[in-house]
Amino acid sequence: MATGKTFVVVSSHLYWDPRYDYVKYAQTAYLLKRLGAFLATVPEKRPAVIVSGDFNSPPDSPSLTLFHNNHHIVRNSFHTKTFDEWYSKVWEDFQADPLAVKGALASAYR
């Protein structure tokens, strides 16, 4: 039955290597920023959003927590001053973007 409702389906494949959580984190932040920008062009105010894909990460990983909790801080074996500076830039850019989807999605597996 047609409802006239809009829904958006997003699919992604994040980097596979568990040693590079920060790469997956940046990819997820980028995905959510682009999703927010796209949703701003959709006429319906709050369309349903389905995000699927191969995230190559456990549910409590830094990258996946961005979908439902934007207060998570990335920790991994490459945590250096250079990484801290890079992470801070990614986080500030993500937080400053008014269109980025921040912590608004929920897992279908909870």
N, C-alpha and C. Protein backbone atom coordinates (compact mmCIF):
# COMPACT_ATOMS: atom_id res chain seq x y z
N MET A 1 0.84 -1.16 0.00
CA MET A 1 0.00 0.00 0.00
C MET A 1 0.90 1.24 0.00
N ALA A 2 0.66 2.17 -0.88
CA ALA A 2 1.42 3.40 -0.96
C ALA A 2 1.04 4.34 0.18
N THR A 3 2.03 4.89 0.86
CA THR A 3 1.77 5.80 1.98
C THR A 3 2.11 7.24 1.65
N GLY A 4 2.89 7.46 0.61
CA GLY A 4 3.32 8.81 0.28
C GLY A 4 4.48 9.29 1.13
N LYS A 5 4.97 8.45 2.04
CA LYS A 5 6.08 8.82 2.91
C LYS A 5 7.41 8.64 2.17
N THR A 6 8.36 9.50 2.51
CA THR A 6 9.70 9.41 1.93
C THR A 6 10.60 8.62 2.86
N PHE A 7 11.47 7.78 2.29
CA PHE A 7 12.50 7.14 3.09
C PHE A 7 13.80 7.16 2.30
N VAL A 8 14.90 7.14 3.03
CA VAL A 8 16.23 7.22 2.44
C VAL A 8 17.00 5.98 2.87
N VAL A 9 17.66 5.33 1.91
CA VAL A 9 18.49 4.16 2.21
C VAL A 9 19.94 4.53 1.90
N VAL A 10 20.81 4.30 2.87
CA VAL A 10 22.24 4.59 2.74
C VAL A 10 22.99 3.28 2.92
N SER A 11 23.98 3.06 2.08
CA SER A 11 24.81 1.87 2.22
C SER A 11 26.27 2.28 2.15
N SER A 12 27.09 1.65 2.97
CA SER A 12 28.50 2.00 3.01
C SER A 12 29.34 0.76 3.28
N HIS A 13 30.59 0.85 2.92
CA HIS A 13 31.56 -0.21 3.23
C HIS A 13 32.78 0.49 3.81
N LEU A 14 32.99 0.31 5.13
CA LEU A 14 34.11 0.96 5.79
C LEU A 14 35.39 0.14 5.66
N TYR A 15 36.50 0.80 5.84
CA TYR A 15 37.82 0.16 5.77
C TYR A 15 37.88 -1.04 6.69
N TRP A 16 38.57 -2.08 6.31
CA TRP A 16 38.51 -3.37 7.00
C TRP A 16 39.46 -3.51 8.18
N ASP A 17 40.62 -2.89 8.16
CA ASP A 17 41.69 -3.19 9.12
C ASP A 17 41.36 -2.65 10.52
N PRO A 18 41.28 -3.54 11.54
CA PRO A 18 40.95 -3.10 12.90
C PRO A 18 42.01 -2.19 13.51
N ARG A 19 43.22 -2.18 12.98
CA ARG A 19 44.27 -1.30 13.51
C ARG A 19 44.02 0.16 13.14
N TYR A 20 43.11 0.40 12.22
CA TYR A 20 42.88 1.75 11.74
C TYR A 20 41.46 2.22 12.04
N ASP A 21 41.09 2.13 13.33
CA ASP A 21 39.76 2.60 13.74
C ASP A 21 39.54 4.06 13.38
N TYR A 22 40.61 4.85 13.44
CA TYR A 22 40.45 6.27 13.15
C TYR A 22 40.04 6.52 11.71
N VAL A 23 40.43 5.64 10.79
CA VAL A 23 40.02 5.78 9.39
C VAL A 23 38.52 5.53 9.28
N LYS A 24 38.06 4.47 9.93
CA LYS A 24 36.63 4.15 9.91
C LYS A 24 35.83 5.27 10.59
N TYR A 25 36.40 5.85 11.64
CA TYR A 25 35.74 6.95 12.34
C TYR A 25 35.56 8.14 11.41
N ALA A 26 36.61 8.48 10.68
CA ALA A 26 36.53 9.61 9.73
C ALA A 26 35.55 9.29 8.61
N GLN A 27 35.56 8.04 8.13
CA GLN A 27 34.62 7.65 7.08
C GLN A 27 33.18 7.76 7.57
N THR A 28 32.93 7.36 8.81
CA THR A 28 31.58 7.44 9.36
C THR A 28 31.16 8.90 9.55
N ALA A 29 32.07 9.73 10.07
CA ALA A 29 31.75 11.16 10.22
C ALA A 29 31.42 11.76 8.86
N TYR A 30 32.18 11.40 7.84
CA TYR A 30 31.93 11.92 6.50
C TYR A 30 30.57 11.45 5.98
N LEU A 31 30.27 10.17 6.18
CA LEU A 31 28.99 9.63 5.75
C LEU A 31 27.84 10.40 6.40
N LEU A 32 27.93 10.66 7.70
CA LEU A 32 26.86 11.35 8.41
C LEU A 32 26.76 12.82 8.00
N LYS A 33 27.89 13.43 7.67
CA LYS A 33 27.85 14.80 7.17
C LYS A 33 27.17 14.84 5.80
N ARG A 34 27.52 13.92 4.92
CA ARG A 34 26.92 13.89 3.59
C ARG A 34 25.44 13.52 3.68
N LEU A 35 25.08 12.61 4.58
CA LEU A 35 23.69 12.25 4.78
C LEU A 35 22.89 13.48 5.23
N GLY A 36 23.43 14.23 6.16
CA GLY A 36 22.75 15.44 6.63
C GLY A 36 22.56 16.45 5.51
N ALA A 37 23.59 16.61 4.68
CA ALA A 37 23.49 17.54 3.55
C ALA A 37 22.42 17.07 2.56
N PHE A 38 22.37 15.77 2.31
CA PHE A 38 21.35 15.23 1.41
C PHE A 38 19.95 15.41 2.00
N LEU A 39 19.79 15.10 3.29
CA LEU A 39 18.47 15.22 3.92
C LEU A 39 17.96 16.66 3.88
N ALA A 40 18.87 17.62 3.87
CA ALA A 40 18.45 19.03 3.79
C ALA A 40 17.82 19.34 2.44
N THR A 41 18.04 18.50 1.44
CA THR A 41 17.46 18.74 0.11
C THR A 41 16.15 17.99 -0.09
N VAL A 42 15.81 17.11 0.84
CA VAL A 42 14.59 16.31 0.73
C VAL A 42 13.40 17.15 1.20
N PRO A 43 12.33 17.22 0.40
CA PRO A 43 11.18 18.06 0.78
C PRO A 43 10.53 17.65 2.11
N GLU A 44 10.45 16.36 2.38
CA GLU A 44 9.83 15.92 3.64
C GLU A 44 10.77 16.23 4.80
N LYS A 45 10.23 16.80 5.88
CA LYS A 45 11.08 17.24 6.99
C LYS A 45 11.86 16.13 7.67
N ARG A 46 11.22 15.03 8.00
CA ARG A 46 11.88 13.96 8.74
C ARG A 46 11.63 12.62 8.07
N PRO A 47 12.28 12.35 6.94
CA PRO A 47 12.06 11.06 6.29
C PRO A 47 12.69 9.94 7.12
N ALA A 48 12.18 8.73 6.96
CA ALA A 48 12.81 7.57 7.59
C ALA A 48 14.16 7.36 6.93
N VAL A 49 15.17 7.00 7.73
CA VAL A 49 16.52 6.76 7.21
C VAL A 49 16.95 5.36 7.60
N ILE A 50 17.39 4.58 6.62
CA ILE A 50 17.92 3.24 6.86
C ILE A 50 19.38 3.27 6.43
N VAL A 51 20.28 2.99 7.38
CA VAL A 51 21.71 2.95 7.08
C VAL A 51 22.14 1.50 7.16
N SER A 52 22.72 1.01 6.08
CA SER A 52 23.16 -0.38 6.04
C SER A 52 24.58 -0.43 5.49
N GLY A 53 25.19 -1.58 5.59
CA GLY A 53 26.51 -1.72 4.99
C GLY A 53 27.39 -2.68 5.75
N ASP A 54 28.61 -2.77 5.29
CA ASP A 54 29.64 -3.57 5.94
C ASP A 54 30.53 -2.59 6.69
N PHE A 55 30.32 -2.48 8.00
CA PHE A 55 31.04 -1.49 8.79
C PHE A 55 32.35 -2.02 9.35
N ASN A 56 32.58 -3.33 9.22
CA ASN A 56 33.84 -3.93 9.67
C ASN A 56 34.21 -3.49 11.08
N SER A 57 33.22 -3.41 11.96
CA SER A 57 33.44 -2.91 13.32
C SER A 57 32.43 -3.53 14.27
N PRO A 58 32.84 -3.75 15.53
CA PRO A 58 31.87 -4.21 16.52
C PRO A 58 30.92 -3.07 16.90
N PRO A 59 29.76 -3.39 17.46
CA PRO A 59 28.76 -2.36 17.78
C PRO A 59 29.26 -1.24 18.69
N ASP A 60 30.23 -1.53 19.57
CA ASP A 60 30.71 -0.49 20.49
C ASP A 60 31.96 0.22 19.99
N SER A 61 32.27 0.08 18.71
CA SER A 61 33.46 0.72 18.15
C SER A 61 33.26 2.23 18.03
N PRO A 62 34.35 2.99 17.99
CA PRO A 62 34.22 4.44 17.85
C PRO A 62 33.39 4.86 16.63
N SER A 63 33.61 4.20 15.51
CA SER A 63 32.90 4.62 14.30
C SER A 63 31.40 4.38 14.42
N LEU A 64 30.99 3.25 14.96
CA LEU A 64 29.56 2.97 15.05
C LEU A 64 28.87 3.76 16.16
N THR A 65 29.63 4.18 17.18
CA THR A 65 28.99 4.98 18.22
C THR A 65 28.58 6.35 17.69
N LEU A 66 29.18 6.80 16.60
CA LEU A 66 28.76 8.08 16.01
C LEU A 66 27.31 8.04 15.55
N PHE A 67 26.81 6.85 15.21
CA PHE A 67 25.42 6.74 14.77
C PHE A 67 24.44 7.00 15.90
N HIS A 68 24.82 6.71 17.13
CA HIS A 68 23.86 6.83 18.22
C HIS A 68 24.38 7.59 19.43
N ASN A 69 25.67 7.89 19.50
CA ASN A 69 26.23 8.58 20.66
C ASN A 69 27.44 9.37 20.20
N ASN A 70 27.32 10.67 20.10
CA ASN A 70 28.41 11.46 19.56
C ASN A 70 29.41 11.93 20.60
N HIS A 71 29.46 11.32 21.77
CA HIS A 71 30.40 11.72 22.80
C HIS A 71 31.57 10.75 22.94
N HIS A 72 31.62 9.76 22.09
CA HIS A 72 32.68 8.76 22.18
C HIS A 72 34.01 9.33 21.70
N ILE A 73 35.08 9.01 22.39
CA ILE A 73 36.42 9.46 21.99
C ILE A 73 37.19 8.27 21.43
N VAL A 74 37.85 8.48 20.31
CA VAL A 74 38.59 7.41 19.64
C VAL A 74 39.84 7.05 20.44
N ARG A 75 40.05 5.78 20.63
CA ARG A 75 41.27 5.26 21.24
C ARG A 75 41.78 4.11 20.37
N ASN A 76 43.03 4.12 20.04
CA ASN A 76 43.62 2.99 19.32
C ASN A 76 45.12 3.00 19.51
N SER A 77 45.80 2.04 18.92
CA SER A 77 47.23 1.88 19.14
C SER A 77 48.06 2.95 18.44
N PHE A 78 47.45 3.77 17.60
CA PHE A 78 48.19 4.82 16.90
C PHE A 78 47.93 6.18 17.53
N HIS A 79 47.61 6.19 18.82
CA HIS A 79 47.27 7.42 19.51
C HIS A 79 48.53 8.23 19.78
N THR A 80 48.78 9.24 18.98
CA THR A 80 49.98 10.08 19.10
C THR A 80 49.55 11.54 19.07
N LYS A 81 50.51 12.43 19.30
CA LYS A 81 50.18 13.86 19.24
C LYS A 81 49.64 14.22 17.86
N THR A 82 50.25 13.71 16.81
CA THR A 82 49.78 13.99 15.46
C THR A 82 48.35 13.48 15.29
N PHE A 83 48.09 12.27 15.80
CA PHE A 83 46.74 11.72 15.71
C PHE A 83 45.77 12.58 16.49
N ASP A 84 46.15 13.01 17.70
CA ASP A 84 45.28 13.85 18.51
C ASP A 84 44.89 15.12 17.77
N GLU A 85 45.84 15.72 17.09
CA GLU A 85 45.56 16.94 16.33
C GLU A 85 44.60 16.63 15.18
N TRP A 86 44.84 15.53 14.48
CA TRP A 86 43.97 15.13 13.37
C TRP A 86 42.57 14.83 13.89
N TYR A 87 42.49 14.06 14.96
CA TYR A 87 41.19 13.70 15.53
C TYR A 87 40.43 14.95 15.96
N SER A 88 41.12 15.88 16.61
CA SER A 88 40.47 17.11 17.05
C SER A 88 39.89 17.87 15.87
N LYS A 89 40.61 17.91 14.77
CA LYS A 89 40.13 18.60 13.57
C LYS A 89 38.88 17.92 13.02
N VAL A 90 38.91 16.59 12.91
CA VAL A 90 37.75 15.84 12.40
C VAL A 90 36.55 16.08 13.32
N TRP A 91 36.76 15.99 14.64
CA TRP A 91 35.67 16.16 15.60
C TRP A 91 35.09 17.57 15.53
N GLU A 92 35.96 18.60 15.50
CA GLU A 92 35.49 19.98 15.43
C GLU A 92 34.70 20.23 14.15
N ASP A 93 35.21 19.71 13.04
CA ASP A 93 34.53 19.89 11.76
C ASP A 93 33.17 19.21 11.78
N PHE A 94 33.11 18.01 12.32
CA PHE A 94 31.86 17.27 12.41
C PHE A 94 30.85 18.01 13.30
N GLN A 95 31.30 18.46 14.47
CA GLN A 95 30.41 19.16 15.40
C GLN A 95 29.93 20.49 14.85
N ALA A 96 30.79 21.18 14.10
CA ALA A 96 30.44 22.51 13.59
C ALA A 96 29.48 22.46 12.41
N ASP A 97 29.38 21.32 11.75
CA ASP A 97 28.52 21.22 10.57
C ASP A 97 27.06 21.15 11.00
N PRO A 98 26.27 22.16 10.72
CA PRO A 98 24.89 22.15 11.18
C PRO A 98 24.03 21.08 10.50
N LEU A 99 24.48 20.56 9.37
CA LEU A 99 23.69 19.54 8.67
C LEU A 99 24.08 18.11 9.04
N ALA A 100 25.21 17.92 9.71
CA ALA A 100 25.65 16.56 10.05
C ALA A 100 24.63 15.89 10.96
N VAL A 101 24.39 14.61 10.71
CA VAL A 101 23.48 13.83 11.55
C VAL A 101 24.28 13.40 12.77
N LYS A 102 23.89 13.88 13.94
CA LYS A 102 24.67 13.63 15.15
C LYS A 102 23.86 12.82 16.17
N GLY A 103 24.22 11.57 16.34
CA GLY A 103 23.63 10.75 17.37
C GLY A 103 22.13 10.55 17.26
N ALA A 104 21.59 10.60 16.07
CA ALA A 104 20.14 10.55 15.91
C ALA A 104 19.62 9.20 15.43
N LEU A 105 20.50 8.25 15.20
CA LEU A 105 20.06 6.95 14.66
C LEU A 105 20.12 5.88 15.75
N ALA A 106 19.31 4.86 15.61
CA ALA A 106 19.29 3.76 16.57
C ALA A 106 19.49 2.44 15.86
N SER A 107 20.15 1.52 16.51
CA SER A 107 20.41 0.21 15.94
C SER A 107 19.12 -0.62 15.89
N ALA A 108 18.95 -1.36 14.81
CA ALA A 108 17.80 -2.25 14.68
C ALA A 108 17.99 -3.50 15.52
N TYR A 109 19.20 -3.72 16.06
CA TYR A 109 19.51 -4.93 16.80
C TYR A 109 19.42 -4.76 18.31
N ARG A 110 18.99 -3.59 18.78
CA ARG A 110 18.87 -3.38 20.23
C ARG A 110 17.55 -3.87 20.72
